[in-house]
Amino acid sequence: MKKGILDVCVLHAISKGESYGYKIISDLTGIIEISESTLYPILKRLEVGGYVITRTAEFNGRLRRYYRITALGLEKLKSGRDDLLEINSIYKKLFGGRI
């Protein structure tokens, strides 16, 4: 389940505009903890699935990979958001909003 939540969080960060690894991590700081070693396999999985596309460009003498969400990625984001709302509803019913 956490894998799906992380996918949704990464897609959400990218949905705001083209982004790169370090910026995605920065954008998610304070929302969910994610490391580079967790992020890059997620980005690769999303790319292989057609949810994001990439381009490479030079930045300060180094190559940087930029990620952009696709129409399929936007659909996955909406579906993931709906799933999270349903999980939140179940949580509230089970625990009354408390643990």
C-alpha atoms as a PDB file:
ATOM      1  CA  MET A   1       0.000   0.000   0.000  1.00  0.00           C
ATOM      2  CA  LYS A   2       2.830   2.399   0.870  1.00  0.00           C
ATOM      3  CA  LYS A   3       4.327   1.878  -2.598  1.00  0.00           C
ATOM      4  CA  GLY A   4       1.084   3.130  -4.140  1.00  0.00           C
ATOM      5  CA  ILE A   5       0.997   6.121  -1.823  1.00  0.00           C
ATOM      6  CA  LEU A   6       4.570   7.038  -2.729  1.00  0.00           C
ATOM      7  CA  ASP A   7       3.708   6.790  -6.435  1.00  0.00           C
ATOM      8  CA  VAL A   8       0.781   9.166  -5.924  1.00  0.00           C
ATOM      9  CA  CYS A   9       2.963  11.601  -3.953  1.00  0.00           C
ATOM     10  CA  VAL A  10       5.645  11.618  -6.659  1.00  0.00           C
ATOM     11  CA  LEU A  11       3.064  12.065  -9.424  1.00  0.00           C
ATOM     12  CA  HIS A  12       1.498  14.906  -7.456  1.00  0.00           C
ATOM     13  CA  ALA A  13       4.875  16.664  -7.144  1.00  0.00           C
ATOM     14  CA  ILE A  14       5.502  16.274 -10.885  1.00  0.00           C
ATOM     15  CA  SER A  15       1.964  17.364 -11.790  1.00  0.00           C
ATOM     16  CA  LYS A  16       2.866  20.904 -10.722  1.00  0.00           C
ATOM     17  CA  GLY A  17       5.367  21.105 -13.588  1.00  0.00           C
ATOM     18  CA  GLU A  18       8.495  19.512 -14.941  1.00  0.00           C
ATOM     19  CA  SER A  19      10.817  18.520 -12.121  1.00  0.00           C
ATOM     20  CA  TYR A  20      13.973  16.602 -11.218  1.00  0.00           C
ATOM     21  CA  GLY A  21      14.929  14.245  -8.400  1.00  0.00           C
ATOM     22  CA  TYR A  22      16.278  16.632  -5.776  1.00  0.00           C
ATOM     23  CA  LYS A  23      13.381  19.064  -6.322  1.00  0.00           C
ATOM     24  CA  ILE A  24      10.823  16.263  -6.007  1.00  0.00           C
ATOM     25  CA  ILE A  25      12.365  15.225  -2.691  1.00  0.00           C
ATOM     26  CA  SER A  26      12.356  18.870  -1.536  1.00  0.00           C
ATOM     27  CA  ASP A  27       8.729  19.327  -2.600  1.00  0.00           C
ATOM     28  CA  LEU A  28       7.691  16.248  -0.594  1.00  0.00           C
ATOM     29  CA  THR A  29       9.673  17.159   2.537  1.00  0.00           C
ATOM     30  CA  GLY A  30       7.261  17.639   5.427  1.00  0.00           C
ATOM     31  CA  ILE A  31       4.607  15.562   3.663  1.00  0.00           C
ATOM     32  CA  ILE A  32       6.258  12.167   3.409  1.00  0.00           C
ATOM     33  CA  GLU A  33       9.797  10.966   3.945  1.00  0.00           C
ATOM     34  CA  ILE A  34      11.445   9.768   0.748  1.00  0.00           C
ATOM     35  CA  SER A  35      15.120   9.198  -0.018  1.00  0.00           C
ATOM     36  CA  GLU A  36      16.944   9.194  -3.328  1.00  0.00           C
ATOM     37  CA  SER A  37      17.315   5.417  -3.113  1.00  0.00           C
ATOM     38  CA  THR A  38      13.519   5.154  -2.872  1.00  0.00           C
ATOM     39  CA  LEU A  39      12.664   7.911  -5.361  1.00  0.00           C
ATOM     40  CA  TYR A  40      14.661   6.827  -8.395  1.00  0.00           C
ATOM     41  CA  PRO A  41      13.177   3.300  -8.643  1.00  0.00           C
ATOM     42  CA  ILE A  42       9.717   4.904  -8.371  1.00  0.00           C
ATOM     43  CA  LEU A  43      10.545   7.347 -11.164  1.00  0.00           C
ATOM     44  CA  LYS A  44      11.871   4.506 -13.338  1.00  0.00           C
ATOM     45  CA  ARG A  45       8.713   2.443 -12.702  1.00  0.00           C
ATOM     46  CA  LEU A  46       6.529   5.450 -13.549  1.00  0.00           C
ATOM     47  CA  GLU A  47       8.532   6.067 -16.727  1.00  0.00           C
ATOM     48  CA  VAL A  48       8.302   2.423 -17.852  1.00  0.00           C
ATOM     49  CA  GLY A  49       4.556   2.503 -17.148  1.00  0.00           C
ATOM     50  CA  GLY A  50       4.109   5.580 -19.339  1.00  0.00           C
ATOM     51  CA  TYR A  51       3.061   7.807 -16.432  1.00  0.00           C
ATOM     52  CA  VAL A  52       5.986  10.210 -16.846  1.00  0.00           C
ATOM     53  CA  ILE A  53       8.331  11.126 -19.663  1.00  0.00           C
ATOM     54  CA  THR A  54      11.883  12.305 -19.256  1.00  0.00           C
ATOM     55  CA  ARG A  55      14.396  14.541 -20.902  1.00  0.00           C
ATOM     56  CA  THR A  56      18.022  15.111 -20.068  1.00  0.00           C
ATOM     57  CA  ALA A  57      19.666  18.528 -20.058  1.00  0.00           C
ATOM     58  CA  GLU A  58      22.951  19.939 -18.875  1.00  0.00           C
ATOM     59  CA  PHE A  59      22.868  21.945 -15.647  1.00  0.00           C
ATOM     60  CA  ASN A  60      26.050  23.408 -14.122  1.00  0.00           C
ATOM     61  CA  GLY A  61      28.200  21.092 -16.196  1.00  0.00           C
ATOM     62  CA  ARG A  62      26.281  17.936 -15.234  1.00  0.00           C
ATOM     63  CA  LEU A  63      23.439  16.090 -16.872  1.00  0.00           C
ATOM     64  CA  ARG A  64      20.134  16.346 -15.073  1.00  0.00           C
ATOM     65  CA  ARG A  65      17.076  14.237 -15.830  1.00  0.00           C
ATOM     66  CA  TYR A  66      13.759  16.102 -15.858  1.00  0.00           C
ATOM     67  CA  TYR A  67      10.397  14.372 -15.425  1.00  0.00           C
ATOM     68  CA  ARG A  68       7.021  15.444 -16.793  1.00  0.00           C
ATOM     69  CA  ILE A  69       3.664  13.788 -16.100  1.00  0.00           C
ATOM     70  CA  THR A  70       1.704  12.325 -19.023  1.00  0.00           C
ATOM     71  CA  ALA A  71      -2.054  12.144 -19.576  1.00  0.00           C
ATOM     72  CA  LEU A  72      -1.887   8.537 -18.337  1.00  0.00           C
ATOM     73  CA  GLY A  73      -0.003   9.788 -15.270  1.00  0.00           C
ATOM     74  CA  LEU A  74      -2.735  12.339 -14.568  1.00  0.00           C
ATOM     75  CA  GLU A  75      -5.304   9.529 -14.711  1.00  0.00           C
ATOM     76  CA  LYS A  76      -3.215   7.436 -12.299  1.00  0.00           C
ATOM     77  CA  LEU A  77      -2.896  10.461  -9.992  1.00  0.00           C
ATOM     78  CA  LYS A  78      -6.669  10.975  -9.953  1.00  0.00           C
ATOM     79  CA  SER A  79      -7.277   7.274  -9.312  1.00  0.00           C
ATOM     80  CA  GLY A  80      -4.678   7.278  -6.530  1.00  0.00           C
ATOM     81  CA  ARG A  81      -6.218  10.366  -4.969  1.00  0.00           C
ATOM     82  CA  ASP A  82      -9.633   8.681  -5.003  1.00  0.00           C
ATOM     83  CA  ASP A  83      -8.120   5.580  -3.359  1.00  0.00           C
ATOM     84  CA  LEU A  84      -6.514   7.700  -0.634  1.00  0.00           C
ATOM     85  CA  LEU A  85      -9.818   9.446   0.073  1.00  0.00           C
ATOM     86  CA  GLU A  86     -11.486   6.037   0.435  1.00  0.00           C
ATOM     87  CA  ILE A  87      -8.713   4.825   2.769  1.00  0.00           C
ATOM     88  CA  ASN A  88      -9.112   8.009   4.827  1.00  0.00           C
ATOM     89  CA  SER A  89     -12.861   7.393   5.101  1.00  0.00           C
ATOM     90  CA  ILE A  90     -12.272   3.819   6.280  1.00  0.00           C
ATOM     91  CA  TYR A  91      -9.689   5.036   8.808  1.00  0.00           C
ATOM     92  CA  LYS A  92     -12.138   7.573  10.221  1.00  0.00           C
ATOM     93  CA  LYS A  93     -14.881   4.952  10.517  1.00  0.00           C
ATOM     94  CA  LEU A  94     -12.580   2.467  12.231  1.00  0.00           C
ATOM     95  CA  PHE A  95     -10.771   4.793  14.578  1.00  0.00           C
ATOM     96  CA  GLY A  96     -12.948   7.892  14.754  1.00  0.00           C
ATOM     97  CA  GLY A  97     -10.021   9.954  13.464  1.00  0.00           C
ATOM     98  CA  ARG A  98      -7.784   8.734  16.332  1.00  0.00           C
ATOM     99  CA  ILE A  99      -5.257   5.966  16.787  1.00  0.00           C
END
